[in-house]
PDB file of N, CA and C in Angstrom:
ATOM      1  N   MET A   1      26.479 -18.934  15.906  1.00  0.00           N
ATOM      2  CA  MET A   1      25.326 -19.266  15.285  1.00  0.00           C
ATOM      3  C   MET A   1      25.011 -20.289  14.345  1.00  0.00           C
ATOM      4  N   THR A   2      24.167 -20.856  14.742  1.00  0.00           N
ATOM      5  CA  THR A   2      23.862 -22.088  13.801  1.00  0.00           C
ATOM      6  C   THR A   2      22.987 -21.668  12.294  1.00  0.00           C
ATOM      7  N   THR A   3      23.535 -21.943  11.166  1.00  0.00           N
ATOM      8  CA  THR A   3      22.745 -21.516   9.930  1.00  0.00           C
ATOM      9  C   THR A   3      21.419 -22.342   9.639  1.00  0.00           C
ATOM     10  N   ALA A   4      20.335 -21.993   9.583  1.00  0.00           N
ATOM     11  CA  ALA A   4      19.205 -22.698   9.334  1.00  0.00           C
ATOM     12  C   ALA A   4      19.366 -23.375   8.019  1.00  0.00           C
ATOM     13  N   ASN A   5      18.728 -24.259   7.649  1.00  0.00           N
ATOM     14  CA  ASN A   5      18.590 -25.045   6.440  1.00  0.00           C
ATOM     15  C   ASN A   5      17.437 -24.757   5.787  1.00  0.00           C
ATOM     16  N   TYR A   6      16.866 -23.337   5.293  1.00  0.00           N
ATOM     17  CA  TYR A   6      15.431 -23.313   4.530  1.00  0.00           C
ATOM     18  C   TYR A   6      15.180 -24.274   3.634  1.00  0.00           C
ATOM     19  N   ASP A   7      15.674 -24.829   2.915  1.00  0.00           N
ATOM     20  CA  ASP A   7      15.403 -25.535   1.608  1.00  0.00           C
ATOM     21  C   ASP A   7      14.878 -26.966   2.229  1.00  0.00           C
ATOM     22  N   ALA A   8      15.431 -27.439   3.782  1.00  0.00           N
ATOM     23  CA  ALA A   8      15.038 -28.735   4.246  1.00  0.00           C
ATOM     24  C   ALA A   8      13.670 -28.577   4.946  1.00  0.00           C
ATOM     25  N   MET A   9      13.185 -27.145   5.240  1.00  0.00           N
ATOM     26  CA  MET A   9      12.113 -26.846   5.808  1.00  0.00           C
ATOM     27  C   MET A   9      10.700 -27.024   4.923  1.00  0.00           C
ATOM     28  N   GLY A  10       9.762 -27.490   5.593  1.00  0.00           N
ATOM     29  CA  GLY A  10       8.259 -27.444   4.739  1.00  0.00           C
ATOM     30  C   GLY A  10       8.016 -25.872   4.868  1.00  0.00           C
ATOM     31  N   LEU A  11       6.858 -25.569   4.085  1.00  0.00           N
ATOM     32  CA  LEU A  11       6.522 -24.135   4.160  1.00  0.00           C
ATOM     33  C   LEU A  11       5.833 -23.319   5.521  1.00  0.00           C
ATOM     34  N   ASP A  12       5.217 -24.655   6.107  1.00  0.00           N
ATOM     35  CA  ASP A  12       4.538 -24.312   7.356  1.00  0.00           C
ATOM     36  C   ASP A  12       5.689 -24.558   8.465  1.00  0.00           C
ATOM     37  N   GLU A  13       6.620 -25.038   8.356  1.00  0.00           N
ATOM     38  CA  GLU A  13       7.997 -25.173   9.370  1.00  0.00           C
ATOM     39  C   GLU A  13       8.523 -23.801   9.254  1.00  0.00           C
ATOM     40  N   LEU A  14       8.893 -23.276   7.868  1.00  0.00           N
ATOM     41  CA  LEU A  14       9.547 -22.263   7.551  1.00  0.00           C
ATOM     42  C   LEU A  14       8.896 -20.962   8.481  1.00  0.00           C
ATOM     43  N   ARG A  15       7.500 -20.886   8.355  1.00  0.00           N
ATOM     44  CA  ARG A  15       6.615 -19.904   8.633  1.00  0.00           C
ATOM     45  C   ARG A  15       6.982 -19.906  10.257  1.00  0.00           C
ATOM     46  N   ARG A  16       6.797 -21.180  10.807  1.00  0.00           N
ATOM     47  CA  ARG A  16       6.984 -21.076  12.392  1.00  0.00           C
ATOM     48  C   ARG A  16       8.457 -20.445  12.946  1.00  0.00           C
ATOM     49  N   TYR A  17       9.540 -20.782  11.845  1.00  0.00           N
ATOM     50  CA  TYR A  17      10.909 -20.437  12.137  1.00  0.00           C
ATOM     51  C   TYR A  17      10.819 -18.806  11.947  1.00  0.00           C
ATOM     52  N   VAL A  18      10.260 -18.351  11.003  1.00  0.00           N
ATOM     53  CA  VAL A  18      10.448 -16.783  10.679  1.00  0.00           C
ATOM     54  C   VAL A  18       9.516 -16.309  11.916  1.00  0.00           C
ATOM     55  N   LEU A  19       8.438 -17.009  12.378  1.00  0.00           N
ATOM     56  CA  LEU A  19       7.824 -16.085  13.354  1.00  0.00           C
ATOM     57  C   LEU A  19       8.687 -16.079  14.961  1.00  0.00           C
ATOM     58  N   THR A  20       9.353 -17.312  14.957  1.00  0.00           N
ATOM     59  CA  THR A  20      10.341 -17.180  16.234  1.00  0.00           C
ATOM     60  C   THR A  20      11.484 -16.460  15.830  1.00  0.00           C
ATOM     61  N   HIS A  21      11.895 -16.392  14.789  1.00  0.00           N
ATOM     62  CA  HIS A  21      13.266 -15.545  14.529  1.00  0.00           C
ATOM     63  C   HIS A  21      13.114 -14.685  13.531  1.00  0.00           C
ATOM     64  N   ARG A  22      12.446 -13.452  14.260  1.00  0.00           N
ATOM     65  CA  ARG A  22      11.963 -12.366  13.445  1.00  0.00           C
ATOM     66  C   ARG A  22      12.913 -11.415  12.731  1.00  0.00           C
ATOM     67  N   GLU A  23      14.327 -11.617  13.743  1.00  0.00           N
ATOM     68  CA  GLU A  23      15.627 -11.036  13.165  1.00  0.00           C
ATOM     69  C   GLU A  23      16.437 -11.382  11.766  1.00  0.00           C
ATOM     70  N   ASP A  24      15.523 -12.783  11.523  1.00  0.00           N
ATOM     71  CA  ASP A  24      16.492 -13.383  10.504  1.00  0.00           C
ATOM     72  C   ASP A  24      15.835 -12.921   8.840  1.00  0.00           C
ATOM     73  N   ILE A  25      15.948 -11.961   8.530  1.00  0.00           N
ATOM     74  CA  ILE A  25      15.542 -11.505   7.198  1.00  0.00           C
ATOM     75  C   ILE A  25      15.627 -12.460   5.850  1.00  0.00           C
ATOM     76  N   ILE A  26      16.709 -13.249   6.069  1.00  0.00           N
ATOM     77  CA  ILE A  26      16.764 -14.008   4.778  1.00  0.00           C
ATOM     78  C   ILE A  26      15.751 -15.053   4.859  1.00  0.00           C
ATOM     79  N   ALA A  27      15.430 -15.352   5.798  1.00  0.00           N
ATOM     80  CA  ALA A  27      14.496 -16.539   6.268  1.00  0.00           C
ATOM     81  C   ALA A  27      12.904 -15.878   5.634  1.00  0.00           C
ATOM     82  N   PHE A  28      12.844 -14.630   6.102  1.00  0.00           N
ATOM     83  CA  PHE A  28      11.552 -14.125   5.802  1.00  0.00           C
ATOM     84  C   PHE A  28      11.528 -13.869   4.408  1.00  0.00           C
ATOM     85  N   GLN A  29      12.455 -13.555   3.528  1.00  0.00           N
ATOM     86  CA  GLN A  29      12.484 -13.529   2.207  1.00  0.00           C
ATOM     87  C   GLN A  29      12.215 -14.939   1.563  1.00  0.00           C
ATOM     88  N   VAL A  30      12.973 -16.016   2.124  1.00  0.00           N
ATOM     89  CA  VAL A  30      12.881 -17.556   1.520  1.00  0.00           C
ATOM     90  C   VAL A  30      11.287 -17.655   1.599  1.00  0.00           C
ATOM     91  N   TYR A  31      10.768 -17.311   2.919  1.00  0.00           N
ATOM     92  CA  TYR A  31       9.445 -17.549   3.140  1.00  0.00           C
ATOM     93  C   TYR A  31       8.149 -16.583   2.242  1.00  0.00           C
ATOM     94  N   VAL A  32       8.443 -15.596   1.786  1.00  0.00           N
ATOM     95  CA  VAL A  32       7.843 -15.132   0.940  1.00  0.00           C
ATOM     96  C   VAL A  32       7.664 -15.433  -0.430  1.00  0.00           C
ATOM     97  N   ASP A  33       8.802 -15.749  -0.632  1.00  0.00           N
ATOM     98  CA  ASP A  33       9.224 -16.243  -2.315  1.00  0.00           C
ATOM     99  C   ASP A  33       8.719 -17.534  -2.204  1.00  0.00           C
ATOM    100  N   ARG A  34       8.748 -18.551  -1.346  1.00  0.00           N
ATOM    101  CA  ARG A  34       8.208 -19.641  -1.491  1.00  0.00           C
ATOM    102  C   ARG A  34       6.480 -19.626  -1.390  1.00  0.00           C
ATOM    103  N   SER A  35       6.076 -18.805  -0.514  1.00  0.00           N
ATOM    104  CA  SER A  35       4.843 -18.554  -0.396  1.00  0.00           C
ATOM    105  C   SER A  35       3.970 -18.173  -1.685  1.00  0.00           C
ATOM    106  N   GLN A  36       4.905 -17.177  -2.368  1.00  0.00           N
ATOM    107  CA  GLN A  36       4.246 -16.828  -3.784  1.00  0.00           C
ATOM    108  C   GLN A  36       4.367 -17.942  -4.768  1.00  0.00           C
ATOM    109  N   ALA A  37       5.546 -18.759  -5.010  1.00  0.00           N
ATOM    110  CA  ALA A  37       5.284 -19.651  -5.614  1.00  0.00           C
ATOM    111  C   ALA A  37       4.336 -20.555  -5.214  1.00  0.00           C
ATOM    112  N   ALA A  38       3.596 -20.969  -4.080  1.00  0.00           N
ATOM    113  CA  ALA A  38       2.953 -21.752  -3.801  1.00  0.00           C
ATOM    114  C   ALA A  38       1.577 -21.370  -4.152  1.00  0.00           C
ATOM    115  N   GLY A  39       1.508 -20.069  -4.418  1.00  0.00           N
ATOM    116  CA  GLY A  39      -0.117 -19.694  -4.481  1.00  0.00           C
ATOM    117  C   GLY A  39      -0.720 -19.143  -3.063  1.00  0.00           C
ATOM    118  N   ARG A  40       0.212 -18.835  -2.216  1.00  0.00           N
ATOM    119  CA  ARG A  40      -0.221 -18.851  -0.758  1.00  0.00           C
ATOM    120  C   ARG A  40      -0.354 -17.041  -0.386  1.00  0.00           C
ATOM    121  N   MET A  41       0.193 -16.381  -1.084  1.00  0.00           N
ATOM    122  CA  MET A  41       0.143 -14.854  -1.133  1.00  0.00           C
ATOM    123  C   MET A  41      -0.848 -14.443  -1.749  1.00  0.00           C
ATOM    124  N   ILE A  42      -1.792 -13.589  -0.945  1.00  0.00           N
ATOM    125  CA  ILE A  42      -2.701 -12.503  -1.563  1.00  0.00           C
ATOM    126  C   ILE A  42      -2.201 -11.000  -1.817  1.00  0.00           C
ATOM    127  N   SER A  43      -2.583 -10.903  -2.930  1.00  0.00           N
ATOM    128  CA  SER A  43      -2.059  -9.520  -3.245  1.00  0.00           C
ATOM    129  C   SER A  43      -3.650  -8.661  -3.636  1.00  0.00           C
ATOM    130  N   ILE A  44      -3.665  -7.419  -3.526  1.00  0.00           N
ATOM    131  CA  ILE A  44      -4.900  -6.747  -3.645  1.00  0.00           C
ATOM    132  C   ILE A  44      -4.664  -5.504  -4.667  1.00  0.00           C
ATOM    133  N   ASP A  45      -5.455  -5.514  -5.957  1.00  0.00           N
ATOM    134  CA  ASP A  45      -5.161  -4.559  -6.770  1.00  0.00           C
ATOM    135  C   ASP A  45      -6.455  -3.626  -6.465  1.00  0.00           C
ATOM    136  N   MET A  46      -5.844  -2.245  -5.858  1.00  0.00           N
ATOM    137  CA  MET A  46      -7.024  -1.298  -5.243  1.00  0.00           C
ATOM    138  C   MET A  46      -7.705  -0.720  -6.563  1.00  0.00           C
ATOM    139  N   SER A  47      -6.864  -0.949  -7.705  1.00  0.00           N
ATOM    140  CA  SER A  47      -7.602   0.060  -8.880  1.00  0.00           C
ATOM    141  C   SER A  47      -9.000  -0.817  -9.559  1.00  0.00           C
ATOM    142  N   ASP A  48      -9.137  -2.021  -9.069  1.00  0.00           N
ATOM    143  CA  ASP A  48     -10.202  -3.132  -9.173  1.00  0.00           C
ATOM    144  C   ASP A  48     -11.245  -2.510  -8.436  1.00  0.00           C
ATOM    145  N   ILE A  49     -12.335  -2.340  -8.957  1.00  0.00           N
ATOM    146  CA  ILE A  49     -13.632  -2.010  -8.262  1.00  0.00           C
ATOM    147  C   ILE A  49     -13.925  -3.064  -7.600  1.00  0.00           C
ATOM    148  N   GLN A  50     -13.814  -4.374  -7.656  1.00  0.00           N
ATOM    149  CA  GLN A  50     -14.494  -5.367  -7.324  1.00  0.00           C
ATOM    150  C   GLN A  50     -13.200  -6.212  -6.378  1.00  0.00           C
ATOM    151  N   TRP A  51     -12.334  -5.202  -5.835  1.00  0.00           N
ATOM    152  CA  TRP A  51     -11.287  -6.089  -5.016  1.00  0.00           C
ATOM    153  C   TRP A  51     -11.552  -6.446  -3.810  1.00  0.00           C
ATOM    154  N   GLU A  52     -12.561  -6.069  -2.916  1.00  0.00           N
ATOM    155  CA  GLU A  52     -13.241  -6.554  -1.889  1.00  0.00           C
ATOM    156  C   GLU A  52     -13.773  -8.175  -2.307  1.00  0.00           C
ATOM    157  N   GLU A  53     -14.449  -8.290  -3.491  1.00  0.00           N
ATOM    158  CA  GLU A  53     -15.138  -9.573  -3.624  1.00  0.00           C
ATOM    159  C   GLU A  53     -13.922 -10.415  -4.041  1.00  0.00           C
ATOM    160  N   ASN A  54     -13.035  -9.956  -5.009  1.00  0.00           N
ATOM    161  CA  ASN A  54     -11.920 -10.930  -5.368  1.00  0.00           C
ATOM    162  C   ASN A  54     -10.926 -11.356  -3.987  1.00  0.00           C
ATOM    163  N   LEU A  55     -10.842 -10.580  -3.229  1.00  0.00           N
ATOM    164  CA  LEU A  55     -10.188 -10.749  -1.966  1.00  0.00           C
ATOM    165  C   LEU A  55     -10.928 -11.912  -1.038  1.00  0.00           C
ATOM    166  N   SER A  56     -12.156 -11.622  -0.801  1.00  0.00           N
ATOM    167  CA  SER A  56     -12.937 -12.611  -0.422  1.00  0.00           C
ATOM    168  C   SER A  56     -12.838 -13.907  -0.638  1.00  0.00           C
ATOM    169  N   ASP A  57     -13.124 -13.904  -2.255  1.00  0.00           N
ATOM    170  CA  ASP A  57     -12.957 -15.094  -2.830  1.00  0.00           C
ATOM    171  C   ASP A  57     -11.859 -15.936  -2.492  1.00  0.00           C
ATOM    172  N   ARG A  58     -10.720 -15.190  -2.767  1.00  0.00           N
ATOM    173  CA  ARG A  58      -9.458 -15.828  -2.724  1.00  0.00           C
ATOM    174  C   ARG A  58      -9.095 -16.257  -1.171  1.00  0.00           C
ATOM    175  N   ILE A  59      -9.393 -15.673  -0.373  1.00  0.00           N
ATOM    176  CA  ILE A  59      -9.396 -16.074   1.220  1.00  0.00           C
ATOM    177  C   ILE A  59     -10.250 -17.487   1.280  1.00  0.00           C
ATOM    178  N   GLN A  60     -11.244 -17.228   0.725  1.00  0.00           N
ATOM    179  CA  GLN A  60     -12.044 -18.571   0.717  1.00  0.00           C
ATOM    180  C   GLN A  60     -11.594 -19.742   0.037  1.00  0.00           C
ATOM    181  N   ARG A  61     -11.082 -19.624  -0.913  1.00  0.00           N
ATOM    182  CA  ARG A  61     -10.251 -20.769  -1.584  1.00  0.00           C
ATOM    183  C   ARG A  61      -9.136 -21.172  -0.984  1.00  0.00           C
ATOM    184  N   LEU A  62      -8.640 -20.471  -0.425  1.00  0.00           N
ATOM    185  CA  LEU A  62      -7.222 -20.618   0.500  1.00  0.00           C
ATOM    186  C   LEU A  62      -7.737 -21.606   1.926  1.00  0.00           C
ATOM    187  N   SER A  63      -8.730 -21.072   2.375  1.00  0.00           N
ATOM    188  CA  SER A  63      -8.965 -21.807   3.634  1.00  0.00           C
ATOM    189  C   SER A  63      -9.634 -22.995   3.298  1.00  0.00           C
ATOM    190  N   VAL A  64     -10.483 -23.456   2.075  1.00  0.00           N
ATOM    191  CA  VAL A  64     -10.727 -24.637   1.577  1.00  0.00           C
ATOM    192  C   VAL A  64      -9.667 -25.650   1.307  1.00  0.00           C
ATOM    193  N   GLU A  65      -8.676 -25.089   0.540  1.00  0.00           N
ATOM    194  CA  GLU A  65      -7.401 -25.639   0.421  1.00  0.00           C
ATOM    195  C   GLU A  65      -6.475 -26.294   1.310  1.00  0.00           C
ATOM    196  N   GLY A  66      -6.705 -25.309   2.568  1.00  0.00           N
ATOM    197  CA  GLY A  66      -6.097 -25.515   3.673  1.00  0.00           C
ATOM    198  C   GLY A  66      -6.437 -26.683   4.569  1.00  0.00           C
ATOM    199  N   GLU A  67      -7.754 -26.899   4.414  1.00  0.00           N
ATOM    200  CA  GLU A  67      -8.486 -27.942   5.234  1.00  0.00           C
ATOM    201  C   GLU A  67      -8.264 -29.086   4.636  1.00  0.00           C
ATOM    202  N   SER A  68      -7.893 -29.325   3.070  1.00  0.00           N
ATOM    203  CA  SER A  68      -7.836 -30.610   2.365  1.00  0.00           C
ATOM    204  C   SER A  68      -6.358 -30.854   2.788  1.00  0.00           C
ATOM    205  N   ASP A  69      -5.327 -30.367   3.407  1.00  0.00           N
ATOM    206  CA  ASP A  69      -3.933 -30.822   3.566  1.00  0.00           C
ATOM    207  C   ASP A  69      -3.769 -31.581   4.722  1.00  0.00           C
TER     208      ASP A  69
END
């Protein structure tokens, strides 16, 4: 079995790798860590009464940022 070099992969390439190698838990963990560090992970605070508005705003910002890449 070939060992993938996650560090050499860009975030989008790593995402594609994870989607095609779903059994590779280490790759998934690396993807989640890098996504969080890049600010691409969205979390919801269910105790916040404005969670829907905050989520909508965050999704909109991410989609605008993605268009500029």
